Amino acid sequence: MKITRKSGLTGEINTRDLNITPKQYAAYLSGALAQQAFPHLSADDREFIMTGITPEEWAEFVAAVEEV
């Protein structure tokens, strides 16, 4: 299922194709914790669903913070 989210870090619009069902996504939107709704997804994929932040954005952010 394709999920499109606005990154809470960069403000960019990102889309990822994740192995989730509409029923799982509806459960999450209704208040289920991401870990409960998507136990089979990686932490990176759950983070994307919650915040819109991609693993690449996190890597760039961490690298920038480490430079300071």
PDB file of N, CA and C in Angstrom:
ATOM      1  N   MET A   1       0.860  -1.168   0.000  1.00  0.00           N
ATOM      2  CA  MET A   1       0.000   0.000   0.000  1.00  0.00           C
ATOM      3  C   MET A   1       0.904   1.229   0.000  1.00  0.00           C
ATOM      4  N   LYS A   2       0.619   2.167  -0.888  1.00  0.00           N
ATOM      5  CA  LYS A   2       1.422   3.386  -0.949  1.00  0.00           C
ATOM      6  C   LYS A   2       0.937   4.366   0.114  1.00  0.00           C
ATOM      7  N   ILE A   3       1.895   4.860   0.893  1.00  0.00           N
ATOM      8  CA  ILE A   3       1.616   5.827   1.949  1.00  0.00           C
ATOM      9  C   ILE A   3       2.375   7.110   1.621  1.00  0.00           C
ATOM     10  N   THR A   4       1.688   8.223   1.629  1.00  0.00           N
ATOM     11  CA  THR A   4       2.306   9.522   1.380  1.00  0.00           C
ATOM     12  C   THR A   4       2.185  10.345   2.648  1.00  0.00           C
ATOM     13  N   ARG A   5       3.330  10.877   3.073  1.00  0.00           N
ATOM     14  CA  ARG A   5       3.355  11.676   4.302  1.00  0.00           C
ATOM     15  C   ARG A   5       4.281  12.876   4.106  1.00  0.00           C
ATOM     16  N   LYS A   6       4.018  13.936   4.836  1.00  0.00           N
ATOM     17  CA  LYS A   6       4.888  15.100   4.855  1.00  0.00           C
ATOM     18  C   LYS A   6       5.909  14.889   5.970  1.00  0.00           C
ATOM     19  N   SER A   7       7.174  15.016   5.641  1.00  0.00           N
ATOM     20  CA  SER A   7       8.237  14.810   6.620  1.00  0.00           C
ATOM     21  C   SER A   7       8.173  15.860   7.713  1.00  0.00           C
ATOM     22  N   GLY A   8       8.176  15.406   8.945  1.00  0.00           N
ATOM     23  CA  GLY A   8       8.220  16.312  10.081  1.00  0.00           C
ATOM     24  C   GLY A   8       9.583  16.946  10.262  1.00  0.00           C
ATOM     25  N   LEU A   9      10.570  16.453   9.535  1.00  0.00           N
ATOM     26  CA  LEU A   9      11.938  16.961   9.649  1.00  0.00           C
ATOM     27  C   LEU A   9      12.250  17.975   8.563  1.00  0.00           C
ATOM     28  N   THR A  10      11.893  17.654   7.310  1.00  0.00           N
ATOM     29  CA  THR A  10      12.256  18.518   6.186  1.00  0.00           C
ATOM     30  C   THR A  10      11.073  19.233   5.548  1.00  0.00           C
ATOM     31  N   GLY A  11       9.869  18.762   5.815  1.00  0.00           N
ATOM     32  CA  GLY A  11       8.686  19.331   5.182  1.00  0.00           C
ATOM     33  C   GLY A  11       8.425  18.784   3.791  1.00  0.00           C
ATOM     34  N   GLU A  12       9.295  17.892   3.313  1.00  0.00           N
ATOM     35  CA  GLU A  12       9.112  17.299   1.991  1.00  0.00           C
ATOM     36  C   GLU A  12       7.991  16.256   2.019  1.00  0.00           C
ATOM     37  N   ILE A  13       7.350  16.080   0.875  1.00  0.00           N
ATOM     38  CA  ILE A  13       6.317  15.060   0.720  1.00  0.00           C
ATOM     39  C   ILE A  13       7.008  13.788   0.225  1.00  0.00           C
ATOM     40  N   ASN A  14       6.849  12.703   0.960  1.00  0.00           N
ATOM     41  CA  ASN A  14       7.476  11.430   0.623  1.00  0.00           C
ATOM     42  C   ASN A  14       6.409  10.355   0.478  1.00  0.00           C
ATOM     43  N   THR A  15       6.622   9.439  -0.455  1.00  0.00           N
ATOM     44  CA  THR A  15       5.732   8.299  -0.652  1.00  0.00           C
ATOM     45  C   THR A  15       6.562   7.030  -0.580  1.00  0.00           C
ATOM     46  N   ARG A  16       6.060   6.052   0.146  1.00  0.00           N
ATOM     47  CA  ARG A  16       6.709   4.742   0.220  1.00  0.00           C
ATOM     48  C   ARG A  16       5.648   3.671   0.029  1.00  0.00           C
ATOM     49  N   ASP A  17       6.036   2.585  -0.619  1.00  0.00           N
ATOM     50  CA  ASP A  17       5.146   1.448  -0.814  1.00  0.00           C
ATOM     51  C   ASP A  17       5.447   0.450   0.299  1.00  0.00           C
ATOM     52  N   LEU A  18       4.530   0.325   1.256  1.00  0.00           N
ATOM     53  CA  LEU A  18       4.747  -0.496   2.438  1.00  0.00           C
ATOM     54  C   LEU A  18       3.841  -1.724   2.424  1.00  0.00           C
ATOM     55  N   ASN A  19       4.321  -2.784   3.021  1.00  0.00           N
ATOM     56  CA  ASN A  19       3.586  -4.040   3.085  1.00  0.00           C
ATOM     57  C   ASN A  19       2.569  -3.992   4.233  1.00  0.00           C
ATOM     58  N   ILE A  20       1.514  -3.200   4.011  1.00  0.00           N
ATOM     59  CA  ILE A  20       0.445  -3.098   5.005  1.00  0.00           C
ATOM     60  C   ILE A  20      -0.894  -3.179   4.283  1.00  0.00           C
ATOM     61  N   THR A  21      -1.914  -3.509   5.052  1.00  0.00           N
ATOM     62  CA  THR A  21      -3.257  -3.591   4.485  1.00  0.00           C
ATOM     63  C   THR A  21      -4.056  -2.339   4.856  1.00  0.00           C
ATOM     64  N   PRO A  22      -5.098  -2.041   4.090  1.00  0.00           N
ATOM     65  CA  PRO A  22      -5.968  -0.923   4.466  1.00  0.00           C
ATOM     66  C   PRO A  22      -6.536  -1.099   5.882  1.00  0.00           C
ATOM     67  N   LYS A  23      -6.830  -2.339   6.268  1.00  0.00           N
ATOM     68  CA  LYS A  23      -7.367  -2.599   7.610  1.00  0.00           C
ATOM     69  C   LYS A  23      -6.343  -2.233   8.691  1.00  0.00           C
ATOM     70  N   GLN A  24      -5.073  -2.578   8.467  1.00  0.00           N
ATOM     71  CA  GLN A  24      -4.028  -2.228   9.437  1.00  0.00           C
ATOM     72  C   GLN A  24      -3.869  -0.710   9.526  1.00  0.00           C
ATOM     73  N   TYR A  25      -3.878  -0.053   8.375  1.00  0.00           N
ATOM     74  CA  TYR A  25      -3.713   1.398   8.366  1.00  0.00           C
ATOM     75  C   TYR A  25      -4.892   2.079   9.058  1.00  0.00           C
ATOM     76  N   ALA A  26      -6.093   1.564   8.829  1.00  0.00           N
ATOM     77  CA  ALA A  26      -7.278   2.122   9.488  1.00  0.00           C
ATOM     78  C   ALA A  26      -7.179   1.949  10.995  1.00  0.00           C
ATOM     79  N   ALA A  27      -6.671   0.806  11.452  1.00  0.00           N
ATOM     80  CA  ALA A  27      -6.495   0.581  12.891  1.00  0.00           C
ATOM     81  C   ALA A  27      -5.532   1.605  13.464  1.00  0.00           C
ATOM     82  N   TYR A  28      -4.449   1.877  12.754  1.00  0.00           N
ATOM     83  CA  TYR A  28      -3.478   2.872  13.211  1.00  0.00           C
ATOM     84  C   TYR A  28      -4.131   4.259  13.274  1.00  0.00           C
ATOM     85  N   LEU A  29      -4.834   4.624  12.226  1.00  0.00           N
ATOM     86  CA  LEU A  29      -5.486   5.936  12.198  1.00  0.00           C
ATOM     87  C   LEU A  29      -6.553   6.070  13.275  1.00  0.00           C
ATOM     88  N   SER A  30      -7.090   4.943  13.732  1.00  0.00           N
ATOM     89  CA  SER A  30      -8.102   4.957  14.787  1.00  0.00           C
ATOM     90  C   SER A  30      -7.502   4.952  16.182  1.00  0.00           C
ATOM     91  N   GLY A  31      -6.165   4.929  16.264  1.00  0.00           N
ATOM     92  CA  GLY A  31      -5.534   5.039  17.572  1.00  0.00           C
ATOM     93  C   GLY A  31      -4.626   3.901  17.994  1.00  0.00           C
ATOM     94  N   ALA A  32      -4.548   2.841  17.208  1.00  0.00           N
ATOM     95  CA  ALA A  32      -3.643   1.744  17.560  1.00  0.00           C
ATOM     96  C   ALA A  32      -2.198   2.231  17.459  1.00  0.00           C
ATOM     97  N   LEU A  33      -1.355   1.752  18.350  1.00  0.00           N
ATOM     98  CA  LEU A  33       0.067   2.081  18.276  1.00  0.00           C
ATOM     99  C   LEU A  33       0.654   1.473  17.013  1.00  0.00           C
ATOM    100  N   ALA A  34       1.630   2.129  16.431  1.00  0.00           N
ATOM    101  CA  ALA A  34       2.254   1.627  15.204  1.00  0.00           C
ATOM    102  C   ALA A  34       2.823   0.231  15.429  1.00  0.00           C
ATOM    103  N   GLN A  35       3.398  -0.019  16.599  1.00  0.00           N
ATOM    104  CA  GLN A  35       3.972  -1.333  16.897  1.00  0.00           C
ATOM    105  C   GLN A  35       2.900  -2.417  16.917  1.00  0.00           C
ATOM    106  N   GLN A  36       1.688  -2.047  17.299  1.00  0.00           N
ATOM    107  CA  GLN A  36       0.587  -3.006  17.331  1.00  0.00           C
ATOM    108  C   GLN A  36      -0.037  -3.184  15.954  1.00  0.00           C
ATOM    109  N   ALA A  37      -0.222  -2.098  15.240  1.00  0.00           N
ATOM    110  CA  ALA A  37      -0.868  -2.160  13.931  1.00  0.00           C
ATOM    111  C   ALA A  37       0.038  -2.783  12.868  1.00  0.00           C
ATOM    112  N   PHE A  38       1.359  -2.571  13.010  1.00  0.00           N
ATOM    113  CA  PHE A  38       2.304  -3.021  11.995  1.00  0.00           C
ATOM    114  C   PHE A  38       3.483  -3.773  12.621  1.00  0.00           C
ATOM    115  N   PRO A  39       3.240  -4.859  13.336  1.00  0.00           N
ATOM    116  CA  PRO A  39       4.340  -5.536  14.036  1.00  0.00           C
ATOM    117  C   PRO A  39       5.394  -6.122  13.092  1.00  0.00           C
ATOM    118  N   HIS A  40       5.024  -6.338  11.848  1.00  0.00           N
ATOM    119  CA  HIS A  40       5.938  -6.943  10.874  1.00  0.00           C
ATOM    120  C   HIS A  40       6.845  -5.924  10.187  1.00  0.00           C
ATOM    121  N   LEU A  41       6.554  -4.627  10.349  1.00  0.00           N
ATOM    122  CA  LEU A  41       7.360  -3.597   9.688  1.00  0.00           C
ATOM    123  C   LEU A  41       8.617  -3.283  10.492  1.00  0.00           C
ATOM    124  N   SER A  42       9.608  -2.779   9.798  1.00  0.00           N
ATOM    125  CA  SER A  42      10.832  -2.337  10.465  1.00  0.00           C
ATOM    126  C   SER A  42      10.563  -1.045  11.227  1.00  0.00           C
ATOM    127  N   ALA A  43      11.451  -0.721  12.127  1.00  0.00           N
ATOM    128  CA  ALA A  43      11.326   0.535  12.874  1.00  0.00           C
ATOM    129  C   ALA A  43      11.346   1.724  11.914  1.00  0.00           C
ATOM    130  N   ASP A  44      12.156   1.649  10.858  1.00  0.00           N
ATOM    131  CA  ASP A  44      12.215   2.735   9.870  1.00  0.00           C
ATOM    132  C   ASP A  44      10.867   2.916   9.172  1.00  0.00           C
ATOM    133  N   ASP A  45      10.225   1.819   8.803  1.00  0.00           N
ATOM    134  CA  ASP A  45       8.932   1.913   8.129  1.00  0.00           C
ATOM    135  C   ASP A  45       7.849   2.453   9.068  1.00  0.00           C
ATOM    136  N   ARG A  46       7.872   2.012  10.314  1.00  0.00           N
ATOM    137  CA  ARG A  46       6.888   2.544  11.281  1.00  0.00           C
ATOM    138  C   ARG A  46       7.144   4.029  11.528  1.00  0.00           C
ATOM    139  N   GLU A  47       8.401   4.416  11.616  1.00  0.00           N
ATOM    140  CA  GLU A  47       8.737   5.840  11.799  1.00  0.00           C
ATOM    141  C   GLU A  47       8.204   6.662  10.635  1.00  0.00           C
ATOM    142  N   PHE A  48       8.336   6.142   9.431  1.00  0.00           N
ATOM    143  CA  PHE A  48       7.815   6.857   8.264  1.00  0.00           C
ATOM    144  C   PHE A  48       6.308   7.063   8.379  1.00  0.00           C
ATOM    145  N   ILE A  49       5.597   6.029   8.773  1.00  0.00           N
ATOM    146  CA  ILE A  49       4.141   6.151   8.910  1.00  0.00           C
ATOM    147  C   ILE A  49       3.792   7.202   9.964  1.00  0.00           C
ATOM    148  N   MET A  50       4.536   7.222  11.067  1.00  0.00           N
ATOM    149  CA  MET A  50       4.210   8.152  12.159  1.00  0.00           C
ATOM    150  C   MET A  50       4.620   9.588  11.850  1.00  0.00           C
ATOM    151  N   THR A  51       5.778   9.789  11.208  1.00  0.00           N
ATOM    152  CA  THR A  51       6.334  11.140  11.078  1.00  0.00           C
ATOM    153  C   THR A  51       6.591  11.599   9.653  1.00  0.00           C
ATOM    154  N   GLY A  52       6.559  10.658   8.699  1.00  0.00           N
ATOM    155  CA  GLY A  52       6.887  11.003   7.319  1.00  0.00           C
ATOM    156  C   GLY A  52       8.378  11.105   7.055  1.00  0.00           C
ATOM    157  N   ILE A  53       9.185  10.824   8.058  1.00  0.00           N
ATOM    158  CA  ILE A  53      10.638  10.938   7.922  1.00  0.00           C
ATOM    159  C   ILE A  53      11.196   9.634   7.362  1.00  0.00           C
ATOM    160  N   THR A  54      11.990   9.745   6.295  1.00  0.00           N
ATOM    161  CA  THR A  54      12.603   8.575   5.669  1.00  0.00           C
ATOM    162  C   THR A  54      13.940   8.259   6.343  1.00  0.00           C
ATOM    163  N   PRO A  55      14.434   7.040   6.175  1.00  0.00           N
ATOM    164  CA  PRO A  55      15.749   6.703   6.722  1.00  0.00           C
ATOM    165  C   PRO A  55      16.858   7.605   6.164  1.00  0.00           C
ATOM    166  N   GLU A  56      16.720   7.996   4.912  1.00  0.00           N
ATOM    167  CA  GLU A  56      17.729   8.873   4.300  1.00  0.00           C
ATOM    168  C   GLU A  56      17.726  10.252   4.960  1.00  0.00           C
ATOM    169  N   GLU A  57      16.547  10.768   5.272  1.00  0.00           N
ATOM    170  CA  GLU A  57      16.465  12.064   5.951  1.00  0.00           C
ATOM    171  C   GLU A  57      17.079  11.984   7.343  1.00  0.00           C
ATOM    172  N   TRP A  58      16.810  10.880   8.061  1.00  0.00           N
ATOM    173  CA  TRP A  58      17.412  10.707   9.384  1.00  0.00           C
ATOM    174  C   TRP A  58      18.928  10.689   9.284  1.00  0.00           C
ATOM    175  N   ALA A  59      19.459   9.961   8.298  1.00  0.00           N
ATOM    176  CA  ALA A  59      20.911   9.868   8.131  1.00  0.00           C
ATOM    177  C   ALA A  59      21.525  11.240   7.866  1.00  0.00           C
ATOM    178  N   GLU A  60      20.883  12.033   7.005  1.00  0.00           N
ATOM    179  CA  GLU A  60      21.369  13.387   6.721  1.00  0.00           C
ATOM    180  C   GLU A  60      21.301  14.268   7.969  1.00  0.00           C
ATOM    181  N   PHE A  61      20.226  14.153   8.727  1.00  0.00           N
ATOM    182  CA  PHE A  61      20.064  14.945   9.945  1.00  0.00           C
ATOM    183  C   PHE A  61      21.141  14.597  10.969  1.00  0.00           C
ATOM    184  N   VAL A  62      21.361  13.313  11.180  1.00  0.00           N
ATOM    185  CA  VAL A  62      22.371  12.879  12.157  1.00  0.00           C
ATOM    186  C   VAL A  62      23.750  13.347  11.728  1.00  0.00           C
ATOM    187  N   ALA A  63      24.068  13.234  10.433  1.00  0.00           N
ATOM    188  CA  ALA A  63      25.368  13.680   9.931  1.00  0.00           C
ATOM    189  C   ALA A  63      25.542  15.177  10.159  1.00  0.00           C
ATOM    190  N   ALA A  64      24.484  15.954   9.940  1.00  0.00           N
ATOM    191  CA  ALA A  64      24.566  17.399  10.136  1.00  0.00           C
ATOM    192  C   ALA A  64      24.765  17.745  11.608  1.00  0.00           C
ATOM    193  N   VAL A  65      24.091  17.031  12.494  1.00  0.00           N
ATOM    194  CA  VAL A  65      24.227  17.290  13.925  1.00  0.00           C
ATOM    195  C   VAL A  65      25.627  16.917  14.402  1.00  0.00           C
ATOM    196  N   GLU A  66      26.168  15.825  13.884  1.00  0.00           N
ATOM    197  CA  GLU A  66      27.508  15.405  14.267  1.00  0.00           C
ATOM    198  C   GLU A  66      28.592  16.385  13.822  1.00  0.00           C
ATOM    199  N   GLU A  67      28.318  17.155  12.771  1.00  0.00           N
ATOM    200  CA  GLU A  67      29.275  18.140  12.280  1.00  0.00           C
ATOM    201  C   GLU A  67      29.363  19.343  13.214  1.00  0.00           C
ATOM    202  N   VAL A  68      28.327  19.578  13.969  1.00  0.00           N
ATOM    203  CA  VAL A  68      28.273  20.770  14.843  1.00  0.00           C
ATOM    204  C   VAL A  68      29.168  20.610  16.034  1.00  0.00           C
TER     205      VAL A  68
END
